[in-house]
Amino acid sequence: MTWRRLRVIIQHLPPESHTMTALRNALPAEDLDRQADQGEPERGRWSQAEQLLAAVYDRLGRIEYVLISANTEKKRDRPQPPEPLRRPGAAPRKKKPAAMTDGAAETLFRLINGGAA
């Protein structure tokens, strides 16, 4: 078998094959960022059916979240927004930093206005 033939065989493997999964999981973070920025799902490692199913999963979770939030009176009782299903070639979303506590906000306010901490 020639190297060219081997390359063609690997390139045409199904997206869910072990080889394609291993190649996808071995991508460095820079390549993951580049792929996420380009946003070409038709060239991704999932089939179109899998991508559509993941989109339905995300939309259904969002609808459930909105329905529960709209029918919850107190904001503190509302659930957290759902996380989207991870797609191949995309790194997990970064968590937002925690909100500043009231004590920390008061200390910062005093420091900004010339007071000592």
PDB file of N, CA and C in Angstrom:
ATOM      1  N   MET A   1       0.855  -1.177   0.000  1.00  0.00           N
ATOM      2  CA  MET A   1       0.000   0.000   0.000  1.00  0.00           C
ATOM      3  C   MET A   1       0.901   1.240   0.000  1.00  0.00           C
ATOM      4  N   THR A   2       0.541   2.206  -0.781  1.00  0.00           N
ATOM      5  CA  THR A   2       1.338   3.427  -0.851  1.00  0.00           C
ATOM      6  C   THR A   2       0.908   4.386   0.255  1.00  0.00           C
ATOM      7  N   TRP A   3       1.769   5.380   0.535  1.00  0.00           N
ATOM      8  CA  TRP A   3       1.438   6.388   1.551  1.00  0.00           C
ATOM      9  C   TRP A   3       0.223   7.210   1.114  1.00  0.00           C
ATOM     10  N   ARG A   4       0.141   7.464  -0.172  1.00  0.00           N
ATOM     11  CA  ARG A   4      -0.997   8.229  -0.698  1.00  0.00           C
ATOM     12  C   ARG A   4      -2.300   7.469  -0.459  1.00  0.00           C
ATOM     13  N   ARG A   5      -2.301   6.187  -0.736  1.00  0.00           N
ATOM     14  CA  ARG A   5      -3.498   5.360  -0.537  1.00  0.00           C
ATOM     15  C   ARG A   5      -3.901   5.349   0.939  1.00  0.00           C
ATOM     16  N   LEU A   6      -2.932   5.224   1.835  1.00  0.00           N
ATOM     17  CA  LEU A   6      -3.213   5.241   3.270  1.00  0.00           C
ATOM     18  C   LEU A   6      -3.834   6.576   3.689  1.00  0.00           C
ATOM     19  N   ARG A   7      -3.286   7.684   3.170  1.00  0.00           N
ATOM     20  CA  ARG A   7      -3.835   9.005   3.488  1.00  0.00           C
ATOM     21  C   ARG A   7      -5.281   9.124   3.021  1.00  0.00           C
ATOM     22  N   VAL A   8      -5.580   8.660   1.830  1.00  0.00           N
ATOM     23  CA  VAL A   8      -6.937   8.717   1.288  1.00  0.00           C
ATOM     24  C   VAL A   8      -7.891   7.884   2.148  1.00  0.00           C
ATOM     25  N   ILE A   9      -7.450   6.723   2.560  1.00  0.00           N
ATOM     26  CA  ILE A   9      -8.297   5.869   3.403  1.00  0.00           C
ATOM     27  C   ILE A   9      -8.598   6.560   4.731  1.00  0.00           C
ATOM     28  N   ILE A  10      -7.575   7.142   5.357  1.00  0.00           N
ATOM     29  CA  ILE A  10      -7.774   7.822   6.646  1.00  0.00           C
ATOM     30  C   ILE A  10      -8.677   9.038   6.492  1.00  0.00           C
ATOM     31  N   GLN A  11      -8.502   9.805   5.421  1.00  0.00           N
ATOM     32  CA  GLN A  11      -9.327  10.996   5.220  1.00  0.00           C
ATOM     33  C   GLN A  11     -10.796  10.659   5.003  1.00  0.00           C
ATOM     34  N   HIS A  12     -11.087   9.463   4.508  1.00  0.00           N
ATOM     35  CA  HIS A  12     -12.472   9.100   4.219  1.00  0.00           C
ATOM     36  C   HIS A  12     -13.075   8.160   5.260  1.00  0.00           C
ATOM     37  N   LEU A  13     -12.447   8.052   6.404  1.00  0.00           N
ATOM     38  CA  LEU A  13     -13.032   7.273   7.492  1.00  0.00           C
ATOM     39  C   LEU A  13     -14.276   7.996   8.017  1.00  0.00           C
ATOM     40  N   PRO A  14     -15.228   7.253   8.580  1.00  0.00           N
ATOM     41  CA  PRO A  14     -16.405   7.916   9.162  1.00  0.00           C
ATOM     42  C   PRO A  14     -16.004   8.788  10.352  1.00  0.00           C
ATOM     43  N   PRO A  15     -16.738   9.885  10.595  1.00  0.00           N
ATOM     44  CA  PRO A  15     -16.368  10.806  11.676  1.00  0.00           C
ATOM     45  C   PRO A  15     -16.333  10.155  13.057  1.00  0.00           C
ATOM     46  N   GLU A  16     -17.136   9.120  13.276  1.00  0.00           N
ATOM     47  CA  GLU A  16     -17.197   8.510  14.602  1.00  0.00           C
ATOM     48  C   GLU A  16     -16.182   7.384  14.792  1.00  0.00           C
ATOM     49  N   SER A  17     -15.300   7.155  13.807  1.00  0.00           N
ATOM     50  CA  SER A  17     -14.310   6.085  13.919  1.00  0.00           C
ATOM     51  C   SER A  17     -13.294   6.415  15.015  1.00  0.00           C
ATOM     52  N   HIS A  18     -12.646   5.380  15.523  1.00  0.00           N
ATOM     53  CA  HIS A  18     -11.649   5.567  16.581  1.00  0.00           C
ATOM     54  C   HIS A  18     -10.465   6.400  16.094  1.00  0.00           C
ATOM     55  N   THR A  19     -10.070   6.197  14.859  1.00  0.00           N
ATOM     56  CA  THR A  19      -8.938   6.946  14.315  1.00  0.00           C
ATOM     57  C   THR A  19      -9.260   8.431  14.236  1.00  0.00           C
ATOM     58  N   MET A  20     -10.421   8.779  13.696  1.00  0.00           N
ATOM     59  CA  MET A  20     -10.799  10.196  13.580  1.00  0.00           C
ATOM     60  C   MET A  20     -10.978  10.821  14.963  1.00  0.00           C
ATOM     61  N   THR A  21     -11.517  10.064  15.909  1.00  0.00           N
ATOM     62  CA  THR A  21     -11.669  10.571  17.275  1.00  0.00           C
ATOM     63  C   THR A  21     -10.310  10.838  17.894  1.00  0.00           C
ATOM     64  N   ALA A  22      -9.354   9.930  17.694  1.00  0.00           N
ATOM     65  CA  ALA A  22      -8.006  10.121  18.235  1.00  0.00           C
ATOM     66  C   ALA A  22      -7.334  11.330  17.599  1.00  0.00           C
ATOM     67  N   LEU A  23      -7.483  11.512  16.288  1.00  0.00           N
ATOM     68  CA  LEU A  23      -6.909  12.684  15.627  1.00  0.00           C
ATOM     69  C   LEU A  23      -7.526  13.973  16.153  1.00  0.00           C
ATOM     70  N   ARG A  24      -8.829  13.969  16.342  1.00  0.00           N
ATOM     71  CA  ARG A  24      -9.530  15.153  16.834  1.00  0.00           C
ATOM     72  C   ARG A  24      -9.108  15.477  18.269  1.00  0.00           C
ATOM     73  N   ASN A  25      -8.971  14.457  19.095  1.00  0.00           N
ATOM     74  CA  ASN A  25      -8.602  14.685  20.494  1.00  0.00           C
ATOM     75  C   ASN A  25      -7.145  15.111  20.648  1.00  0.00           C
ATOM     76  N   ALA A  26      -6.314  14.868  19.643  1.00  0.00           N
ATOM     77  CA  ALA A  26      -4.902  15.230  19.716  1.00  0.00           C
ATOM     78  C   ALA A  26      -4.630  16.653  19.222  1.00  0.00           C
ATOM     79  N   LEU A  27      -5.666  17.369  18.777  1.00  0.00           N
ATOM     80  CA  LEU A  27      -5.458  18.730  18.280  1.00  0.00           C
ATOM     81  C   LEU A  27      -5.015  19.657  19.401  1.00  0.00           C
ATOM     82  N   PRO A  28      -4.029  20.518  19.163  1.00  0.00           N
ATOM     83  CA  PRO A  28      -3.632  21.498  20.179  1.00  0.00           C
ATOM     84  C   PRO A  28      -4.695  22.582  20.331  1.00  0.00           C
ATOM     85  N   ALA A  29      -4.622  23.322  21.424  1.00  0.00           N
ATOM     86  CA  ALA A  29      -5.621  24.345  21.742  1.00  0.00           C
ATOM     87  C   ALA A  29      -5.703  25.425  20.662  1.00  0.00           C
ATOM     88  N   GLU A  30      -4.570  25.756  20.043  1.00  0.00           N
ATOM     89  CA  GLU A  30      -4.580  26.795  18.998  1.00  0.00           C
ATOM     90  C   GLU A  30      -5.429  26.358  17.803  1.00  0.00           C
ATOM     91  N   ASP A  31      -5.300  25.097  17.422  1.00  0.00           N
ATOM     92  CA  ASP A  31      -6.092  24.592  16.301  1.00  0.00           C
ATOM     93  C   ASP A  31      -7.579  24.542  16.666  1.00  0.00           C
ATOM     94  N   LEU A  32      -7.873  24.188  17.923  1.00  0.00           N
ATOM     95  CA  LEU A  32      -9.269  24.185  18.365  1.00  0.00           C
ATOM     96  C   LEU A  32      -9.864  25.588  18.287  1.00  0.00           C
ATOM     97  N   ASP A  33      -9.095  26.591  18.734  1.00  0.00           N
ATOM     98  CA  ASP A  33      -9.569  27.977  18.668  1.00  0.00           C
ATOM     99  C   ASP A  33      -9.790  28.411  17.228  1.00  0.00           C
ATOM    100  N   ARG A  34      -8.865  28.049  16.354  1.00  0.00           N
ATOM    101  CA  ARG A  34      -8.989  28.423  14.941  1.00  0.00           C
ATOM    102  C   ARG A  34     -10.233  27.787  14.318  1.00  0.00           C
ATOM    103  N   GLN A  35     -10.476  26.519  14.625  1.00  0.00           N
ATOM    104  CA  GLN A  35     -11.648  25.843  14.079  1.00  0.00           C
ATOM    105  C   GLN A  35     -12.941  26.447  14.629  1.00  0.00           C
ATOM    106  N   ALA A  36     -12.938  26.817  15.900  1.00  0.00           N
ATOM    107  CA  ALA A  36     -14.133  27.417  16.493  1.00  0.00           C
ATOM    108  C   ALA A  36     -14.408  28.779  15.878  1.00  0.00           C
ATOM    109  N   ASP A  37     -13.346  29.554  15.570  1.00  0.00           N
ATOM    110  CA  ASP A  37     -13.523  30.874  14.961  1.00  0.00           C
ATOM    111  C   ASP A  37     -14.006  30.775  13.525  1.00  0.00           C
ATOM    112  N   GLN A  38     -13.534  29.778  12.792  1.00  0.00           N
ATOM    113  CA  GLN A  38     -13.925  29.648  11.396  1.00  0.00           C
ATOM    114  C   GLN A  38     -15.385  29.257  11.254  1.00  0.00           C
ATOM    115  N   GLY A  39     -15.904  28.475  12.184  1.00  0.00           N
ATOM    116  CA  GLY A  39     -17.310  28.124  12.197  1.00  0.00           C
ATOM    117  C   GLY A  39     -17.796  27.455  10.915  1.00  0.00           C
ATOM    118  N   GLU A  40     -17.167  26.373  10.521  1.00  0.00           N
ATOM    119  CA  GLU A  40     -17.603  25.642   9.349  1.00  0.00           C
ATOM    120  C   GLU A  40     -18.089  24.254   9.777  1.00  0.00           C
ATOM    121  N   PRO A  41     -19.324  24.145  10.288  1.00  0.00           N
ATOM    122  CA  PRO A  41     -19.778  22.845  10.791  1.00  0.00           C
ATOM    123  C   PRO A  41     -19.873  21.772   9.718  1.00  0.00           C
ATOM    124  N   GLU A  42     -20.075  22.193   8.454  1.00  0.00           N
ATOM    125  CA  GLU A  42     -20.169  21.194   7.393  1.00  0.00           C
ATOM    126  C   GLU A  42     -18.843  20.484   7.153  1.00  0.00           C
ATOM    127  N   ARG A  43     -17.736  21.054   7.647  1.00  0.00           N
ATOM    128  CA  ARG A  43     -16.430  20.415   7.496  1.00  0.00           C
ATOM    129  C   ARG A  43     -15.978  19.761   8.798  1.00  0.00           C
ATOM    130  N   GLY A  44     -16.852  19.670   9.779  1.00  0.00           N
ATOM    131  CA  GLY A  44     -16.507  19.121  11.083  1.00  0.00           C
ATOM    132  C   GLY A  44     -16.379  17.604  11.065  1.00  0.00           C
ATOM    133  N   ARG A  45     -16.093  17.040  12.208  1.00  0.00           N
ATOM    134  CA  ARG A  45     -15.875  15.608  12.318  1.00  0.00           C
ATOM    135  C   ARG A  45     -17.151  14.844  12.640  1.00  0.00           C
ATOM    136  N   TRP A  46     -18.262  15.552  12.887  1.00  0.00           N
ATOM    137  CA  TRP A  46     -19.538  14.894  13.120  1.00  0.00           C
ATOM    138  C   TRP A  46     -20.305  14.875  11.817  1.00  0.00           C
ATOM    139  N   SER A  47     -21.184  13.909  11.665  1.00  0.00           N
ATOM    140  CA  SER A  47     -22.060  13.906  10.501  1.00  0.00           C
ATOM    141  C   SER A  47     -23.114  15.002  10.684  1.00  0.00           C
ATOM    142  N   GLN A  48     -23.802  15.361   9.608  1.00  0.00           N
ATOM    143  CA  GLN A  48     -24.833  16.398   9.691  1.00  0.00           C
ATOM    144  C   GLN A  48     -25.941  15.972  10.647  1.00  0.00           C
ATOM    145  N   ALA A  49     -26.289  14.689  10.650  1.00  0.00           N
ATOM    146  CA  ALA A  49     -27.346  14.203  11.545  1.00  0.00           C
ATOM    147  C   ALA A  49     -26.950  14.389  13.015  1.00  0.00           C
ATOM    148  N   GLU A  50     -25.693  14.104  13.335  1.00  0.00           N
ATOM    149  CA  GLU A  50     -25.230  14.284  14.712  1.00  0.00           C
ATOM    150  C   GLU A  50     -25.222  15.751  15.105  1.00  0.00           C
ATOM    151  N   GLN A  51     -24.816  16.628  14.180  1.00  0.00           N
ATOM    152  CA  GLN A  51     -24.816  18.050  14.493  1.00  0.00           C
ATOM    153  C   GLN A  51     -26.227  18.577  14.672  1.00  0.00           C
ATOM    154  N   LEU A  52     -27.169  18.136  13.848  1.00  0.00           N
ATOM    155  CA  LEU A  52     -28.562  18.555  13.999  1.00  0.00           C
ATOM    156  C   LEU A  52     -29.144  18.048  15.319  1.00  0.00           C
ATOM    157  N   LEU A  53     -28.817  16.828  15.686  1.00  0.00           N
ATOM    158  CA  LEU A  53     -29.294  16.279  16.949  1.00  0.00           C
ATOM    159  C   LEU A  53     -28.733  17.067  18.133  1.00  0.00           C
ATOM    160  N   ALA A  54     -27.473  17.455  18.069  1.00  0.00           N
ATOM    161  CA  ALA A  54     -26.874  18.268  19.132  1.00  0.00           C
ATOM    162  C   ALA A  54     -27.541  19.642  19.200  1.00  0.00           C
ATOM    163  N   ALA A  55     -27.884  20.229  18.046  1.00  0.00           N
ATOM    164  CA  ALA A  55     -28.570  21.526  18.032  1.00  0.00           C
ATOM    165  C   ALA A  55     -29.956  21.405  18.650  1.00  0.00           C
ATOM    166  N   VAL A  56     -30.661  20.316  18.351  1.00  0.00           N
ATOM    167  CA  VAL A  56     -31.984  20.089  18.954  1.00  0.00           C
ATOM    168  C   VAL A  56     -31.850  19.937  20.465  1.00  0.00           C
ATOM    169  N   TYR A  57     -30.837  19.208  20.907  1.00  0.00           N
ATOM    170  CA  TYR A  57     -30.583  19.030  22.340  1.00  0.00           C
ATOM    171  C   TYR A  57     -30.371  20.384  23.028  1.00  0.00           C
ATOM    172  N   ASP A  58     -29.548  21.233  22.409  1.00  0.00           N
ATOM    173  CA  ASP A  58     -29.279  22.555  22.985  1.00  0.00           C
ATOM    174  C   ASP A  58     -30.537  23.409  23.033  1.00  0.00           C
ATOM    175  N   ARG A  59     -31.314  23.416  21.940  1.00  0.00           N
ATOM    176  CA  ARG A  59     -32.535  24.233  21.894  1.00  0.00           C
ATOM    177  C   ARG A  59     -33.565  23.752  22.909  1.00  0.00           C
ATOM    178  N   LEU A  60     -33.700  22.443  23.047  1.00  0.00           N
ATOM    179  CA  LEU A  60     -34.652  21.893  24.011  1.00  0.00           C
ATOM    180  C   LEU A  60     -34.254  22.265  25.438  1.00  0.00           C
ATOM    181  N   GLY A  61     -32.969  22.194  25.743  1.00  0.00           N
ATOM    182  CA  GLY A  61     -32.504  22.608  27.072  1.00  0.00           C
ATOM    183  C   GLY A  61     -32.765  24.080  27.319  1.00  0.00           C
ATOM    184  N   ARG A  62     -32.577  24.912  26.289  1.00  0.00           N
ATOM    185  CA  ARG A  62     -32.820  26.353  26.429  1.00  0.00           C
ATOM    186  C   ARG A  62     -34.306  26.635  26.636  1.00  0.00           C
ATOM    187  N   ILE A  63     -35.182  25.927  25.895  1.00  0.00           N
ATOM    188  CA  ILE A  63     -36.629  26.107  26.058  1.00  0.00           C
ATOM    189  C   ILE A  63     -37.047  25.718  27.469  1.00  0.00           C
ATOM    190  N   GLU A  64     -36.515  24.620  27.976  1.00  0.00           N
ATOM    191  CA  GLU A  64     -36.833  24.190  29.336  1.00  0.00           C
ATOM    192  C   GLU A  64     -36.385  25.249  30.354  1.00  0.00           C
ATOM    193  N   TYR A  65     -35.178  25.786  30.156  1.00  0.00           N
ATOM    194  CA  TYR A  65     -34.657  26.816  31.057  1.00  0.00           C
ATOM    195  C   TYR A  65     -35.549  28.060  31.042  1.00  0.00           C
ATOM    196  N   VAL A  66     -35.944  28.522  29.856  1.00  0.00           N
ATOM    197  CA  VAL A  66     -36.783  29.715  29.748  1.00  0.00           C
ATOM    198  C   VAL A  66     -38.148  29.466  30.386  1.00  0.00           C
ATOM    199  N   LEU A  67     -38.712  28.294  30.160  1.00  0.00           N
ATOM    200  CA  LEU A  67     -40.019  27.970  30.739  1.00  0.00           C
ATOM    201  C   LEU A  67     -39.964  27.967  32.260  1.00  0.00           C
ATOM    202  N   ILE A  68     -38.947  27.352  32.817  1.00  0.00           N
ATOM    203  CA  ILE A  68     -38.819  27.311  34.281  1.00  0.00           C
ATOM    204  C   ILE A  68     -38.545  28.708  34.826  1.00  0.00           C
ATOM    205  N   SER A  69     -37.676  29.470  34.161  1.00  0.00           N
ATOM    206  CA  SER A  69     -37.349  30.824  34.621  1.00  0.00           C
ATOM    207  C   SER A  69     -38.561  31.744  34.571  1.00  0.00           C
ATOM    208  N   ALA A  70     -39.383  31.617  33.523  1.00  0.00           N
ATOM    209  CA  ALA A  70     -40.558  32.479  33.387  1.00  0.00           C
ATOM    210  C   ALA A  70     -41.610  32.177  34.443  1.00  0.00           C
ATOM    211  N   ASN A  71     -41.630  30.954  34.942  1.00  0.00           N
ATOM    212  CA  ASN A  71     -42.639  30.562  35.924  1.00  0.00           C
ATOM    213  C   ASN A  71     -42.096  30.488  37.345  1.00  0.00           C
ATOM    214  N   THR A  72     -40.916  31.024  37.573  1.00  0.00           N
ATOM    215  CA  THR A  72     -40.322  31.081  38.904  1.00  0.00           C
ATOM    216  C   THR A  72     -40.357  32.531  39.371  1.00  0.00           C
ATOM    217  N   GLU A  73     -40.958  32.757  40.532  1.00  0.00           N
ATOM    218  CA  GLU A  73     -41.135  34.129  41.001  1.00  0.00           C
ATOM    219  C   GLU A  73     -39.832  34.752  41.491  1.00  0.00           C
ATOM    220  N   LYS A  74     -39.083  34.029  42.286  1.00  0.00           N
ATOM    221  CA  LYS A  74     -37.863  34.597  42.859  1.00  0.00           C
ATOM    222  C   LYS A  74     -36.660  34.249  41.985  1.00  0.00           C
ATOM    223  N   LYS A  75     -35.836  35.249  41.753  1.00  0.00           N
ATOM    224  CA  LYS A  75     -34.676  35.060  40.882  1.00  0.00           C
ATOM    225  C   LYS A  75     -33.703  34.038  41.453  1.00  0.00           C
ATOM    226  N   ARG A  76     -33.583  33.980  42.765  1.00  0.00           N
ATOM    227  CA  ARG A  76     -32.631  33.050  43.381  1.00  0.00           C
ATOM    228  C   ARG A  76     -33.049  31.596  43.205  1.00  0.00           C
ATOM    229  N   ASP A  77     -34.337  31.349  42.922  1.00  0.00           N
ATOM    230  CA  ASP A  77     -34.826  29.983  42.727  1.00  0.00           C
ATOM    231  C   ASP A  77     -34.678  29.501  41.284  1.00  0.00           C
ATOM    232  N   ARG A  78     -34.263  30.392  40.376  1.00  0.00           N
ATOM    233  CA  ARG A  78     -34.135  30.013  38.971  1.00  0.00           C
ATOM    234  C   ARG A  78     -32.913  29.120  38.770  1.00  0.00           C
ATOM    235  N   PRO A  79     -33.010  28.183  37.844  1.00  0.00           N
ATOM    236  CA  PRO A  79     -31.857  27.306  37.585  1.00  0.00           C
ATOM    237  C   PRO A  79     -30.777  28.030  36.791  1.00  0.00           C
ATOM    238  N   GLN A  80     -29.606  27.433  36.750  1.00  0.00           N
ATOM    239  CA  GLN A  80     -28.513  27.959  35.930  1.00  0.00           C
ATOM    240  C   GLN A  80     -28.830  27.676  34.454  1.00  0.00           C
ATOM    241  N   PRO A  81     -28.396  28.550  33.535  1.00  0.00           N
ATOM    242  CA  PRO A  81     -28.606  28.260  32.108  1.00  0.00           C
ATOM    243  C   PRO A  81     -27.918  26.954  31.721  1.00  0.00           C
ATOM    244  N   PRO A  82     -28.501  26.209  30.803  1.00  0.00           N
ATOM    245  CA  PRO A  82     -27.902  24.917  30.437  1.00  0.00           C
ATOM    246  C   PRO A  82     -26.614  25.093  29.641  1.00  0.00           C
ATOM    247  N   GLU A  83     -25.706  24.158  29.821  1.00  0.00           N
ATOM    248  CA  GLU A  83     -24.460  24.141  29.049  1.00  0.00           C
ATOM    249  C   GLU A  83     -24.753  23.481  27.706  1.00  0.00           C
ATOM    250  N   PRO A  84     -24.235  24.035  26.621  1.00  0.00           N
ATOM    251  CA  PRO A  84     -24.438  23.369  25.329  1.00  0.00           C
ATOM    252  C   PRO A  84     -23.650  22.072  25.251  1.00  0.00           C
ATOM    253  N   LEU A  85     -24.140  21.164  24.443  1.00  0.00           N
ATOM    254  CA  LEU A  85     -23.467  19.902  24.235  1.00  0.00           C
ATOM    255  C   LEU A  85     -22.131  20.157  23.554  1.00  0.00           C
ATOM    256  N   ARG A  86     -21.064  19.557  24.066  1.00  0.00           N
ATOM    257  CA  ARG A  86     -19.735  19.780  23.471  1.00  0.00           C
ATOM    258  C   ARG A  86     -19.675  19.191  22.080  1.00  0.00           C
ATOM    259  N   ARG A  87     -19.104  19.960  21.164  1.00  0.00           N
ATOM    260  CA  ARG A  87     -18.920  19.514  19.791  1.00  0.00           C
ATOM    261  C   ARG A  87     -17.453  19.168  19.585  1.00  0.00           C
ATOM    262  N   PRO A  88     -17.167  18.246  18.663  1.00  0.00           N
ATOM    263  CA  PRO A  88     -15.768  17.957  18.373  1.00  0.00           C
ATOM    264  C   PRO A  88     -15.110  19.164  17.726  1.00  0.00           C
ATOM    265  N   GLY A  89     -13.872  19.412  18.085  1.00  0.00           N
ATOM    266  CA  GLY A  89     -13.141  20.529  17.509  1.00  0.00           C
ATOM    267  C   GLY A  89     -13.416  21.842  18.203  1.00  0.00           C
ATOM    268  N   ALA A  90     -14.122  21.834  19.315  1.00  0.00           N
ATOM    269  CA  ALA A  90     -14.391  23.059  20.063  1.00  0.00           C
ATOM    270  C   ALA A  90     -14.053  22.819  21.524  1.00  0.00           C
ATOM    271  N   ALA A  91     -13.260  23.707  22.083  1.00  0.00           N
ATOM    272  CA  ALA A  91     -12.869  23.589  23.488  1.00  0.00           C
ATOM    273  C   ALA A  91     -14.060  23.940  24.374  1.00  0.00           C
ATOM    274  N   PRO A  92     -14.101  23.445  25.607  1.00  0.00           N
ATOM    275  CA  PRO A  92     -15.192  23.806  26.500  1.00  0.00           C
ATOM    276  C   PRO A  92     -15.209  25.302  26.781  1.00  0.00           C
ATOM    277  N   ARG A  93     -16.384  25.837  27.043  1.00  0.00           N
ATOM    278  CA  ARG A  93     -16.515  27.260  27.339  1.00  0.00           C
ATOM    279  C   ARG A  93     -15.814  27.600  28.642  1.00  0.00           C
ATOM    280  N   LYS A  94     -15.252  28.776  28.669  1.00  0.00           N
ATOM    281  CA  LYS A  94     -14.580  29.237  29.881  1.00  0.00           C
ATOM    282  C   LYS A  94     -15.639  29.738  30.859  1.00  0.00           C
ATOM    283  N   LYS A  95     -15.419  29.422  32.119  1.00  0.00           N
ATOM    284  CA  LYS A  95     -16.346  29.867  33.160  1.00  0.00           C
ATOM    285  C   LYS A  95     -16.163  31.348  33.409  1.00  0.00           C
ATOM    286  N   LYS A  96     -17.276  32.036  33.666  1.00  0.00           N
ATOM    287  CA  LYS A  96     -17.201  33.454  33.998  1.00  0.00           C
ATOM    288  C   LYS A  96     -16.669  33.601  35.413  1.00  0.00           C
ATOM    289  N   PRO A  97     -15.904  34.659  35.673  1.00  0.00           N
ATOM    290  CA  PRO A  97     -15.419  34.848  37.033  1.00  0.00           C
ATOM    291  C   PRO A  97     -16.590  35.091  37.984  1.00  0.00           C
ATOM    292  N   ALA A  98     -16.387  34.708  39.214  1.00  0.00           N
ATOM    293  CA  ALA A  98     -17.433  34.865  40.214  1.00  0.00           C
ATOM    294  C   ALA A  98     -17.722  36.348  40.453  1.00  0.00           C
ATOM    295  N   ALA A  99     -18.977  36.645  40.792  1.00  0.00           N
ATOM    296  CA  ALA A  99     -19.366  38.025  41.055  1.00  0.00           C
ATOM    297  C   ALA A  99     -18.689  38.519  42.339  1.00  0.00           C
ATOM    298  N   MET A 100     -18.480  39.815  42.412  1.00  0.00           N
ATOM    299  CA  MET A 100     -17.824  40.403  43.572  1.00  0.00           C
ATOM    300  C   MET A 100     -18.797  40.395  44.759  1.00  0.00           C
ATOM    301  N   THR A 101     -18.297  40.038  45.927  1.00  0.00           N
ATOM    302  CA  THR A 101     -19.131  40.042  47.120  1.00  0.00           C
ATOM    303  C   THR A 101     -19.366  41.474  47.579  1.00  0.00           C
ATOM    304  N   ASP A 102     -20.357  41.663  48.429  1.00  0.00           N
ATOM    305  CA  ASP A 102     -20.665  43.001  48.935  1.00  0.00           C
ATOM    306  C   ASP A 102     -19.509  43.583  49.739  1.00  0.00           C
ATOM    307  N   GLY A 103     -18.855  42.730  50.542  1.00  0.00           N
ATOM    308  CA  GLY A 103     -17.722  43.207  51.329  1.00  0.00           C
ATOM    309  C   GLY A 103     -16.564  43.654  50.449  1.00  0.00           C
ATOM    310  N   ALA A 104     -16.273  42.883  49.409  1.00  0.00           N
ATOM    311  CA  ALA A 104     -15.198  43.239  48.493  1.00  0.00           C
ATOM    312  C   ALA A 104     -15.543  44.513  47.727  1.00  0.00           C
ATOM    313  N   ALA A 105     -16.813  44.674  47.362  1.00  0.00           N
ATOM    314  CA  ALA A 105     -17.245  45.874  46.653  1.00  0.00           C
ATOM    315  C   ALA A 105     -17.107  47.108  47.553  1.00  0.00           C
ATOM    316  N   GLU A 106     -17.439  46.955  48.810  1.00  0.00           N
ATOM    317  CA  GLU A 106     -17.327  48.068  49.756  1.00  0.00           C
ATOM    318  C   GLU A 106     -15.856  48.454  49.958  1.00  0.00           C
ATOM    319  N   THR A 107     -14.977  47.466  50.090  1.00  0.00           N
ATOM    320  CA  THR A 107     -13.547  47.743  50.243  1.00  0.00           C
ATOM    321  C   THR A 107     -13.001  48.448  49.007  1.00  0.00           C
ATOM    322  N   LEU A 108     -13.375  47.983  47.837  1.00  0.00           N
ATOM    323  CA  LEU A 108     -12.926  48.605  46.597  1.00  0.00           C
ATOM    324  C   LEU A 108     -13.441  50.044  46.489  1.00  0.00           C
ATOM    325  N   PHE A 109     -14.685  50.254  46.881  1.00  0.00           N
ATOM    326  CA  PHE A 109     -15.257  51.595  46.842  1.00  0.00           C
ATOM    327  C   PHE A 109     -14.470  52.549  47.747  1.00  0.00           C
ATOM    328  N   ARG A 110     -14.124  52.073  48.944  1.00  0.00           N
ATOM    329  CA  ARG A 110     -13.354  52.908  49.869  1.00  0.00           C
ATOM    330  C   ARG A 110     -11.958  53.204  49.320  1.00  0.00           C
ATOM    331  N   LEU A 111     -11.312  52.199  48.698  1.00  0.00           N
ATOM    332  CA  LEU A 111      -9.991  52.404  48.130  1.00  0.00           C
ATOM    333  C   LEU A 111     -10.032  53.405  46.966  1.00  0.00           C
ATOM    334  N   ILE A 112     -11.023  53.299  46.140  1.00  0.00           N
ATOM    335  CA  ILE A 112     -11.131  54.226  44.999  1.00  0.00           C
ATOM    336  C   ILE A 112     -11.371  55.657  45.460  1.00  0.00           C
ATOM    337  N   ASN A 113     -12.135  55.808  46.510  1.00  0.00           N
ATOM    338  CA  ASN A 113     -12.476  57.142  47.004  1.00  0.00           C
ATOM    339  C   ASN A 113     -11.471  57.690  48.015  1.00  0.00           C
ATOM    340  N   GLY A 114     -10.291  57.105  48.068  1.00  0.00           N
ATOM    341  CA  GLY A 114      -9.218  57.661  48.891  1.00  0.00           C
ATOM    342  C   GLY A 114      -9.154  57.147  50.312  1.00  0.00           C
ATOM    343  N   GLY A 115     -10.006  56.245  50.687  1.00  0.00           N
ATOM    344  CA  GLY A 115      -9.966  55.702  52.044  1.00  0.00           C
ATOM    345  C   GLY A 115      -8.969  54.567  52.158  1.00  0.00           C
ATOM    346  N   ALA A 116      -8.541  54.273  53.334  1.00  0.00           N
ATOM    347  CA  ALA A 116      -7.618  53.162  53.569  1.00  0.00           C
ATOM    348  C   ALA A 116      -8.410  51.880  53.789  1.00  0.00           C
ATOM    349  N   ALA A 117      -7.890  50.790  53.367  1.00  0.00           N
ATOM    350  CA  ALA A 117      -8.590  49.524  53.490  1.00  0.00           C
ATOM    351  C   ALA A 117      -8.517  48.977  54.885  1.00  0.00           C
TER     352      ALA A 117
END
